[in-house]
Amino acid sequence: MARSAFAAAVISVVLAPAITWAADENPRLPRQQWSFDGVFGTYDRASLQRGFQVYKEVCSACHPVTHLSFRDLTQIGYTEDQVKAIAAGYQITDGPNDEGQMFQRPGRPSDPIPGPFPNDQAARVANNGALPPDQSLIVKARPGGPNYVYAISTGYKEAPPGFKLQEGMNYNEFFPGHQIAMPPPLSDNAVTFADGTPATVPQMAHDVTSFLTWAAEPNLDDRHRTGFKVILFLIVGAGVFYTAKRKIWAPLH
């Protein structure tokens, strides 16, 4: 009996941390179907443009995309005139002028897309001390990549019974610790897509994630095309070398 009690005690000590960890572990990220997945993957330009619209009308109120300029938008299918129109809708701080003063002017395609705050401190003050992260590399910066960004965007729920949610925080099923300062960013019909696609939360989350994936890796299409050519070259080269080898060594057999 003593040995059994001792063994039970040891097992409970060993397994308790594992049981606690399993209870606190975030659920596995749901895996989405992305057009850019795989060796032959490519960006869906219609989705990228819808995603930019979601970013512009929803996400840009808090999050910058500091590594993007307006002219980069031609890569997702916008014409130069459309890019000029988009840029002109922003006011850019420029200067100094002849009097040494900074001034506001309409944006130009060569301008970086401006963020919502002049500096990080202003961003923290406007967001109760939290600093909204830059979105232009967010997909590369988070484990799970696009699946993580999509999951966070759609993972808001009511906190389960017994869960102690801190004041000013929101419950998110997939965020580490489940407490996130950012309120739910998306709601059905928050935007009106020009192509008539229904603006549901999953659709908007999918499109804006696609856009942010492109922002983090705009050369993916070119890289995939180059990779395909290299693989084809290696296959053809292997066939040529094998044929040559058989021809050279055939007399010796």
C-alpha atoms as a PDB file:
ATOM      1  CA  MET A   1       0.000   0.000   0.000  1.00  0.00           C
ATOM      2  CA  ALA A   2       2.820   2.355   0.887  1.00  0.00           C
ATOM      3  CA  ARG A   3       4.472   1.777  -2.482  1.00  0.00           C
ATOM      4  CA  SER A   4       1.186   2.334  -4.289  1.00  0.00           C
ATOM      5  CA  ALA A   5       0.580   5.587  -2.444  1.00  0.00           C
ATOM      6  CA  PHE A   6       4.131   6.733  -3.177  1.00  0.00           C
ATOM      7  CA  ALA A   7       3.756   5.863  -6.872  1.00  0.00           C
ATOM      8  CA  ALA A   8       0.449   7.711  -7.075  1.00  0.00           C
ATOM      9  CA  ALA A   9       2.025  10.754  -5.461  1.00  0.00           C
ATOM     10  CA  VAL A  10       4.940  10.705  -7.901  1.00  0.00           C
ATOM     11  CA  ILE A  11       2.616  10.371 -10.901  1.00  0.00           C
ATOM     12  CA  SER A  12       0.460  13.244  -9.685  1.00  0.00           C
ATOM     13  CA  VAL A  13       3.517  15.479  -9.264  1.00  0.00           C
ATOM     14  CA  VAL A  14       4.857  14.591 -12.711  1.00  0.00           C
ATOM     15  CA  LEU A  15       1.542  14.878 -14.559  1.00  0.00           C
ATOM     16  CA  ALA A  16       0.145  17.950 -12.809  1.00  0.00           C
ATOM     17  CA  PRO A  17       2.222  20.473 -14.829  1.00  0.00           C
ATOM     18  CA  ALA A  18       1.348  18.665 -18.045  1.00  0.00           C
ATOM     19  CA  ILE A  19      -2.355  18.673 -17.178  1.00  0.00           C
ATOM     20  CA  THR A  20      -2.206  22.388 -16.311  1.00  0.00           C
ATOM     21  CA  TRP A  21      -0.297  23.148 -19.525  1.00  0.00           C
ATOM     22  CA  ALA A  22      -2.858  21.236 -21.596  1.00  0.00           C
ATOM     23  CA  ALA A  23      -5.703  23.154 -19.961  1.00  0.00           C
ATOM     24  CA  ASP A  24      -4.035  26.494 -20.713  1.00  0.00           C
ATOM     25  CA  GLU A  25      -2.813  25.606 -24.187  1.00  0.00           C
ATOM     26  CA  ASN A  26      -4.373  27.542 -27.040  1.00  0.00           C
ATOM     27  CA  PRO A  27      -6.378  25.483 -29.507  1.00  0.00           C
ATOM     28  CA  ARG A  28      -4.686  24.568 -32.744  1.00  0.00           C
ATOM     29  CA  LEU A  29      -4.930  27.229 -35.436  1.00  0.00           C
ATOM     30  CA  PRO A  30      -7.528  26.395 -38.080  1.00  0.00           C
ATOM     31  CA  ARG A  31      -5.778  25.863 -41.397  1.00  0.00           C
ATOM     32  CA  GLN A  32      -7.249  27.880 -44.260  1.00  0.00           C
ATOM     33  CA  GLN A  33      -7.039  27.344 -47.994  1.00  0.00           C
ATOM     34  CA  TRP A  34      -4.787  30.031 -49.461  1.00  0.00           C
ATOM     35  CA  SER A  35      -4.275  30.624 -53.159  1.00  0.00           C
ATOM     36  CA  PHE A  36      -0.575  31.311 -52.533  1.00  0.00           C
ATOM     37  CA  ASP A  37       0.146  27.992 -50.786  1.00  0.00           C
ATOM     38  CA  GLY A  38       2.369  25.386 -52.390  1.00  0.00           C
ATOM     39  CA  VAL A  39       4.985  25.428 -55.129  1.00  0.00           C
ATOM     40  CA  PHE A  40       2.457  26.552 -57.743  1.00  0.00           C
ATOM     41  CA  GLY A  41       0.644  29.003 -55.462  1.00  0.00           C
ATOM     42  CA  THR A  42      -0.072  32.527 -56.661  1.00  0.00           C
ATOM     43  CA  TYR A  43      -1.790  35.587 -55.288  1.00  0.00           C
ATOM     44  CA  ASP A  44      -5.462  36.180 -56.056  1.00  0.00           C
ATOM     45  CA  ARG A  45      -5.478  39.819 -57.102  1.00  0.00           C
ATOM     46  CA  ALA A  46      -9.212  40.261 -56.495  1.00  0.00           C
ATOM     47  CA  SER A  47      -8.721  39.048 -52.930  1.00  0.00           C
ATOM     48  CA  LEU A  48      -5.691  41.327 -52.473  1.00  0.00           C
ATOM     49  CA  GLN A  49      -7.676  44.363 -53.586  1.00  0.00           C
ATOM     50  CA  ARG A  50     -10.549  43.477 -51.260  1.00  0.00           C
ATOM     51  CA  GLY A  51      -7.985  42.982 -48.504  1.00  0.00           C
ATOM     52  CA  PHE A  52      -6.476  46.397 -49.121  1.00  0.00           C
ATOM     53  CA  GLN A  53      -9.968  47.886 -48.879  1.00  0.00           C
ATOM     54  CA  VAL A  54     -10.478  46.178 -45.510  1.00  0.00           C
ATOM     55  CA  TYR A  55      -7.100  47.432 -44.318  1.00  0.00           C
ATOM     56  CA  LYS A  56      -7.785  50.970 -45.558  1.00  0.00           C
ATOM     57  CA  GLU A  57     -11.307  51.264 -44.155  1.00  0.00           C
ATOM     58  CA  VAL A  58     -10.896  49.271 -40.932  1.00  0.00           C
ATOM     59  CA  CYS A  59      -7.364  48.320 -39.890  1.00  0.00           C
ATOM     60  CA  SER A  60      -5.578  51.551 -40.828  1.00  0.00           C
ATOM     61  CA  ALA A  61      -7.358  53.383 -37.993  1.00  0.00           C
ATOM     62  CA  CYS A  62      -4.818  51.769 -35.641  1.00  0.00           C
ATOM     63  CA  HIS A  63      -2.195  49.860 -37.627  1.00  0.00           C
ATOM     64  CA  PRO A  64       0.445  51.199 -40.054  1.00  0.00           C
ATOM     65  CA  VAL A  65       2.001  49.368 -42.988  1.00  0.00           C
ATOM     66  CA  THR A  66       5.305  51.167 -42.833  1.00  0.00           C
ATOM     67  CA  HIS A  67       7.052  49.154 -45.550  1.00  0.00           C
ATOM     68  CA  LEU A  68       4.520  49.878 -48.292  1.00  0.00           C
ATOM     69  CA  SER A  69       4.314  52.825 -50.658  1.00  0.00           C
ATOM     70  CA  PHE A  70       1.273  53.719 -52.735  1.00  0.00           C
ATOM     71  CA  ARG A  71       3.049  52.780 -55.960  1.00  0.00           C
ATOM     72  CA  ASP A  72       3.420  49.214 -54.672  1.00  0.00           C
ATOM     73  CA  LEU A  73      -0.335  48.806 -55.148  1.00  0.00           C
ATOM     74  CA  THR A  74       0.161  48.470 -58.910  1.00  0.00           C
ATOM     75  CA  GLN A  75       1.482  44.978 -58.119  1.00  0.00           C
ATOM     76  CA  ILE A  76      -1.953  43.865 -56.927  1.00  0.00           C
ATOM     77  CA  GLY A  77      -3.770  45.041 -60.044  1.00  0.00           C
ATOM     78  CA  TYR A  78      -4.462  48.738 -59.537  1.00  0.00           C
ATOM     79  CA  THR A  79      -3.747  50.984 -62.501  1.00  0.00           C
ATOM     80  CA  GLU A  80      -1.442  53.988 -62.183  1.00  0.00           C
ATOM     81  CA  ASP A  81      -4.456  56.332 -62.314  1.00  0.00           C
ATOM     82  CA  GLN A  82      -6.170  54.371 -59.549  1.00  0.00           C
ATOM     83  CA  VAL A  83      -3.020  54.521 -57.424  1.00  0.00           C
ATOM     84  CA  LYS A  84      -2.804  58.278 -57.964  1.00  0.00           C
ATOM     85  CA  ALA A  85      -6.424  58.625 -56.847  1.00  0.00           C
ATOM     86  CA  ILE A  86      -5.837  56.467 -53.759  1.00  0.00           C
ATOM     87  CA  ALA A  87      -2.724  58.446 -52.811  1.00  0.00           C
ATOM     88  CA  ALA A  88      -4.462  61.782 -53.321  1.00  0.00           C
ATOM     89  CA  GLY A  89      -7.046  60.767 -50.726  1.00  0.00           C
ATOM     90  CA  TYR A  90      -4.373  61.017 -48.014  1.00  0.00           C
ATOM     91  CA  GLN A  91      -2.842  64.126 -46.516  1.00  0.00           C
ATOM     92  CA  ILE A  92       0.949  63.902 -46.222  1.00  0.00           C
ATOM     93  CA  THR A  93       3.102  66.041 -43.939  1.00  0.00           C
ATOM     94  CA  ASP A  94       5.882  67.578 -46.001  1.00  0.00           C
ATOM     95  CA  GLY A  95       8.358  70.400 -45.736  1.00  0.00           C
ATOM     96  CA  PRO A  96       9.786  72.528 -44.550  1.00  0.00           C
ATOM     97  CA  ASN A  97       8.611  75.194 -47.002  1.00  0.00           C
ATOM     98  CA  ASP A  98      10.352  78.475 -47.761  1.00  0.00           C
ATOM     99  CA  GLU A  99       9.206  79.801 -44.389  1.00  0.00           C
ATOM    100  CA  GLY A 100      10.566  76.815 -42.509  1.00  0.00           C
ATOM    101  CA  GLN A 101       7.131  75.381 -41.781  1.00  0.00           C
ATOM    102  CA  MET A 102       5.847  71.864 -42.309  1.00  0.00           C
ATOM    103  CA  PHE A 103       2.692  71.634 -44.399  1.00  0.00           C
ATOM    104  CA  GLN A 104       0.066  69.184 -45.606  1.00  0.00           C
ATOM    105  CA  ARG A 105      -0.324  68.117 -49.224  1.00  0.00           C
ATOM    106  CA  PRO A 106      -2.185  65.368 -51.115  1.00  0.00           C
ATOM    107  CA  GLY A 107      -0.343  62.068 -51.318  1.00  0.00           C
ATOM    108  CA  ARG A 108       1.662  60.952 -54.349  1.00  0.00           C
ATOM    109  CA  PRO A 109       2.327  57.404 -55.595  1.00  0.00           C
ATOM    110  CA  SER A 110       5.945  57.644 -54.416  1.00  0.00           C
ATOM    111  CA  ASP A 111       4.901  58.373 -50.810  1.00  0.00           C
ATOM    112  CA  PRO A 112       4.935  55.652 -48.150  1.00  0.00           C
ATOM    113  CA  ILE A 113       1.412  54.839 -47.000  1.00  0.00           C
ATOM    114  CA  PRO A 114       1.083  56.956 -43.835  1.00  0.00           C
ATOM    115  CA  GLY A 115       0.223  55.432 -40.485  1.00  0.00           C
ATOM    116  CA  PRO A 116      -2.549  56.651 -38.210  1.00  0.00           C
ATOM    117  CA  PHE A 117      -0.220  58.137 -35.556  1.00  0.00           C
ATOM    118  CA  PRO A 118       2.825  60.427 -35.799  1.00  0.00           C
ATOM    119  CA  ASN A 119       4.878  58.269 -33.403  1.00  0.00           C
ATOM    120  CA  ASP A 120       4.710  55.257 -31.095  1.00  0.00           C
ATOM    121  CA  GLN A 121       4.013  57.317 -27.996  1.00  0.00           C
ATOM    122  CA  ALA A 122       0.963  58.907 -29.606  1.00  0.00           C
ATOM    123  CA  ALA A 123      -0.206  55.441 -30.626  1.00  0.00           C
ATOM    124  CA  ARG A 124       0.110  54.179 -27.036  1.00  0.00           C
ATOM    125  CA  VAL A 125      -1.767  57.149 -25.624  1.00  0.00           C
ATOM    126  CA  ALA A 126      -4.619  56.587 -28.070  1.00  0.00           C
ATOM    127  CA  ASN A 127      -4.807  52.864 -27.259  1.00  0.00           C
ATOM    128  CA  ASN A 128      -4.664  52.753 -23.457  1.00  0.00           C
ATOM    129  CA  GLY A 129      -0.943  52.034 -23.424  1.00  0.00           C
ATOM    130  CA  ALA A 130      -0.975  49.278 -26.059  1.00  0.00           C
ATOM    131  CA  LEU A 131       1.097  49.757 -29.211  1.00  0.00           C
ATOM    132  CA  PRO A 132      -0.718  48.506 -32.334  1.00  0.00           C
ATOM    133  CA  PRO A 133       1.874  46.492 -34.286  1.00  0.00           C
ATOM    134  CA  ASP A 134       2.946  47.350 -37.786  1.00  0.00           C
ATOM    135  CA  GLN A 135       1.011  45.145 -40.210  1.00  0.00           C
ATOM    136  CA  SER A 136       3.370  45.085 -43.182  1.00  0.00           C
ATOM    137  CA  LEU A 137       5.431  42.196 -41.748  1.00  0.00           C
ATOM    138  CA  ILE A 138       2.949  40.747 -39.248  1.00  0.00           C
ATOM    139  CA  VAL A 139       2.441  37.537 -41.240  1.00  0.00           C
ATOM    140  CA  LYS A 140       6.176  36.798 -41.167  1.00  0.00           C
ATOM    141  CA  ALA A 141       6.540  37.818 -37.533  1.00  0.00           C
ATOM    142  CA  ARG A 142       3.950  35.447 -36.057  1.00  0.00           C
ATOM    143  CA  PRO A 143       4.153  31.641 -35.792  1.00  0.00           C
ATOM    144  CA  GLY A 144       1.479  30.203 -38.028  1.00  0.00           C
ATOM    145  CA  GLY A 145       1.745  33.071 -40.502  1.00  0.00           C
ATOM    146  CA  PRO A 146      -1.500  33.748 -42.361  1.00  0.00           C
ATOM    147  CA  ASN A 147      -3.397  31.113 -40.381  1.00  0.00           C
ATOM    148  CA  TYR A 148      -2.516  32.953 -37.167  1.00  0.00           C
ATOM    149  CA  VAL A 149      -3.614  36.350 -38.491  1.00  0.00           C
ATOM    150  CA  TYR A 150      -6.887  34.869 -39.776  1.00  0.00           C
ATOM    151  CA  ALA A 151      -7.513  33.047 -36.483  1.00  0.00           C
ATOM    152  CA  ILE A 152      -6.943  36.160 -34.375  1.00  0.00           C
ATOM    153  CA  SER A 153      -9.276  38.170 -36.628  1.00  0.00           C
ATOM    154  CA  THR A 154     -12.088  35.636 -36.237  1.00  0.00           C
ATOM    155  CA  GLY A 155     -11.350  34.256 -32.768  1.00  0.00           C
ATOM    156  CA  TYR A 156     -13.262  36.733 -30.583  1.00  0.00           C
ATOM    157  CA  LYS A 157     -15.820  35.102 -28.274  1.00  0.00           C
ATOM    158  CA  GLU A 158     -17.504  35.528 -24.939  1.00  0.00           C
ATOM    159  CA  ALA A 159     -15.156  34.496 -22.151  1.00  0.00           C
ATOM    160  CA  PRO A 160     -16.024  31.030 -20.816  1.00  0.00           C
ATOM    161  CA  PRO A 161     -17.496  30.721 -17.299  1.00  0.00           C
ATOM    162  CA  GLY A 162     -14.842  31.096 -14.647  1.00  0.00           C
ATOM    163  CA  PHE A 163     -12.355  32.868 -16.897  1.00  0.00           C
ATOM    164  CA  LYS A 164     -11.087  36.069 -15.265  1.00  0.00           C
ATOM    165  CA  LEU A 165     -10.964  38.713 -17.973  1.00  0.00           C
ATOM    166  CA  GLN A 166      -9.020  41.818 -17.031  1.00  0.00           C
ATOM    167  CA  GLU A 167     -10.628  45.214 -17.407  1.00  0.00           C
ATOM    168  CA  GLY A 168     -10.256  46.642 -20.900  1.00  0.00           C
ATOM    169  CA  MET A 169      -9.289  43.291 -22.399  1.00  0.00           C
ATOM    170  CA  ASN A 170     -11.152  41.087 -24.870  1.00  0.00           C
ATOM    171  CA  TYR A 171     -11.348  37.308 -25.000  1.00  0.00           C
ATOM    172  CA  ASN A 172      -9.825  35.710 -28.080  1.00  0.00           C
ATOM    173  CA  GLU A 173      -9.747  31.951 -28.486  1.00  0.00           C
ATOM    174  CA  PHE A 174      -6.427  31.890 -30.346  1.00  0.00           C
ATOM    175  CA  PHE A 175      -4.457  34.743 -28.738  1.00  0.00           C
ATOM    176  CA  PRO A 176      -1.797  33.537 -26.259  1.00  0.00           C
ATOM    177  CA  GLY A 177      -3.375  33.836 -22.828  1.00  0.00           C
ATOM    178  CA  HIS A 178      -6.731  34.579 -24.515  1.00  0.00           C
ATOM    179  CA  GLN A 179      -6.669  38.234 -23.405  1.00  0.00           C
ATOM    180  CA  ILE A 180      -6.096  40.845 -26.091  1.00  0.00           C
ATOM    181  CA  ALA A 181      -6.344  44.625 -25.857  1.00  0.00           C
ATOM    182  CA  MET A 182      -7.591  45.027 -29.434  1.00  0.00           C
ATOM    183  CA  PRO A 183     -11.389  44.898 -29.650  1.00  0.00           C
ATOM    184  CA  PRO A 184     -12.952  42.822 -32.448  1.00  0.00           C
ATOM    185  CA  PRO A 185     -11.860  44.688 -35.600  1.00  0.00           C
ATOM    186  CA  LEU A 186     -14.324  43.139 -38.039  1.00  0.00           C
ATOM    187  CA  SER A 187     -18.093  42.963 -38.202  1.00  0.00           C
ATOM    188  CA  ASP A 188     -20.370  41.798 -40.994  1.00  0.00           C
ATOM    189  CA  ASN A 189     -20.828  44.413 -43.730  1.00  0.00           C
ATOM    190  CA  ALA A 190     -18.220  46.731 -42.235  1.00  0.00           C
ATOM    191  CA  VAL A 191     -17.173  47.451 -45.833  1.00  0.00           C
ATOM    192  CA  THR A 192     -18.903  47.235 -49.199  1.00  0.00           C
ATOM    193  CA  PHE A 193     -16.807  45.371 -51.742  1.00  0.00           C
ATOM    194  CA  ALA A 194     -16.849  46.854 -55.242  1.00  0.00           C
ATOM    195  CA  ASP A 195     -17.073  43.404 -56.845  1.00  0.00           C
ATOM    196  CA  GLY A 196     -20.195  42.482 -54.875  1.00  0.00           C
ATOM    197  CA  THR A 197     -18.539  39.855 -52.660  1.00  0.00           C
ATOM    198  CA  PRO A 198     -20.491  39.524 -49.375  1.00  0.00           C
ATOM    199  CA  ALA A 199     -18.519  41.255 -46.628  1.00  0.00           C
ATOM    200  CA  THR A 200     -18.812  38.597 -43.918  1.00  0.00           C
ATOM    201  CA  VAL A 201     -16.290  38.449 -41.095  1.00  0.00           C
ATOM    202  CA  PRO A 202     -14.611  35.263 -42.448  1.00  0.00           C
ATOM    203  CA  GLN A 203     -14.433  36.748 -45.960  1.00  0.00           C
ATOM    204  CA  MET A 204     -12.938  40.034 -44.776  1.00  0.00           C
ATOM    205  CA  ALA A 205     -10.485  38.204 -42.515  1.00  0.00           C
ATOM    206  CA  HIS A 206      -9.420  35.975 -45.413  1.00  0.00           C
ATOM    207  CA  ASP A 207      -8.953  38.891 -47.809  1.00  0.00           C
ATOM    208  CA  VAL A 208      -7.096  41.183 -45.428  1.00  0.00           C
ATOM    209  CA  THR A 209      -4.823  38.284 -44.434  1.00  0.00           C
ATOM    210  CA  SER A 210      -4.073  37.665 -48.110  1.00  0.00           C
ATOM    211  CA  PHE A 211      -3.230  41.355 -48.524  1.00  0.00           C
ATOM    212  CA  LEU A 212      -0.933  41.326 -45.489  1.00  0.00           C
ATOM    213  CA  THR A 213       0.769  38.174 -46.761  1.00  0.00           C
ATOM    214  CA  TRP A 214       1.479  39.975 -50.029  1.00  0.00           C
ATOM    215  CA  ALA A 215       2.716  43.013 -48.078  1.00  0.00           C
ATOM    216  CA  ALA A 216       5.201  40.784 -46.252  1.00  0.00           C
ATOM    217  CA  GLU A 217       6.274  38.873 -49.357  1.00  0.00           C
ATOM    218  CA  PRO A 218       5.380  40.764 -52.554  1.00  0.00           C
ATOM    219  CA  ASN A 219       7.823  38.764 -54.700  1.00  0.00           C
ATOM    220  CA  LEU A 220       6.263  35.370 -53.936  1.00  0.00           C
ATOM    221  CA  ASP A 221       4.818  34.933 -57.441  1.00  0.00           C
ATOM    222  CA  ASP A 222       8.186  35.626 -59.063  1.00  0.00           C
ATOM    223  CA  ARG A 223       9.924  33.305 -56.624  1.00  0.00           C
ATOM    224  CA  HIS A 224       7.500  30.484 -57.367  1.00  0.00           C
ATOM    225  CA  ARG A 225       7.944  30.956 -61.124  1.00  0.00           C
ATOM    226  CA  THR A 226      11.722  30.915 -60.745  1.00  0.00           C
ATOM    227  CA  GLY A 227      11.535  27.808 -58.579  1.00  0.00           C
ATOM    228  CA  PHE A 228       9.390  26.008 -61.146  1.00  0.00           C
ATOM    229  CA  LYS A 229      11.906  26.844 -63.887  1.00  0.00           C
ATOM    230  CA  VAL A 230      14.787  25.599 -61.759  1.00  0.00           C
ATOM    231  CA  ILE A 231      12.986  22.319 -61.005  1.00  0.00           C
ATOM    232  CA  LEU A 232      12.169  21.849 -64.698  1.00  0.00           C
ATOM    233  CA  PHE A 233      15.795  22.555 -65.621  1.00  0.00           C
ATOM    234  CA  LEU A 234      17.039  20.011 -63.090  1.00  0.00           C
ATOM    235  CA  ILE A 235      14.628  17.358 -64.365  1.00  0.00           C
ATOM    236  CA  VAL A 236      15.673  17.920 -67.986  1.00  0.00           C
ATOM    237  CA  GLY A 237      19.350  18.057 -66.970  1.00  0.00           C
ATOM    238  CA  ALA A 238      19.062  14.790 -65.055  1.00  0.00           C
ATOM    239  CA  GLY A 239      17.538  13.140 -68.132  1.00  0.00           C
ATOM    240  CA  VAL A 240      20.316  14.440 -70.398  1.00  0.00           C
ATOM    241  CA  PHE A 241      23.088  13.322 -68.007  1.00  0.00           C
ATOM    242  CA  TYR A 242      21.505   9.892 -67.575  1.00  0.00           C
ATOM    243  CA  THR A 243      21.270   9.414 -71.367  1.00  0.00           C
ATOM    244  CA  ALA A 244      24.878  10.533 -71.808  1.00  0.00           C
ATOM    245  CA  LYS A 245      26.036   8.189 -69.067  1.00  0.00           C
ATOM    246  CA  ARG A 246      24.356   5.201 -70.700  1.00  0.00           C
ATOM    247  CA  LYS A 247      25.871   6.082 -74.082  1.00  0.00           C
ATOM    248  CA  ILE A 248      29.378   6.515 -72.684  1.00  0.00           C
ATOM    249  CA  TRP A 249      29.378   3.326 -70.633  1.00  0.00           C
ATOM    250  CA  ALA A 250      27.415   1.143 -73.080  1.00  0.00           C
ATOM    251  CA  PRO A 251      30.571  -0.191 -74.900  1.00  0.00           C
ATOM    252  CA  LEU A 252      32.041  -1.365 -71.576  1.00  0.00           C
ATOM    253  CA  HIS A 253      29.033  -3.574 -70.900  1.00  0.00           C
END
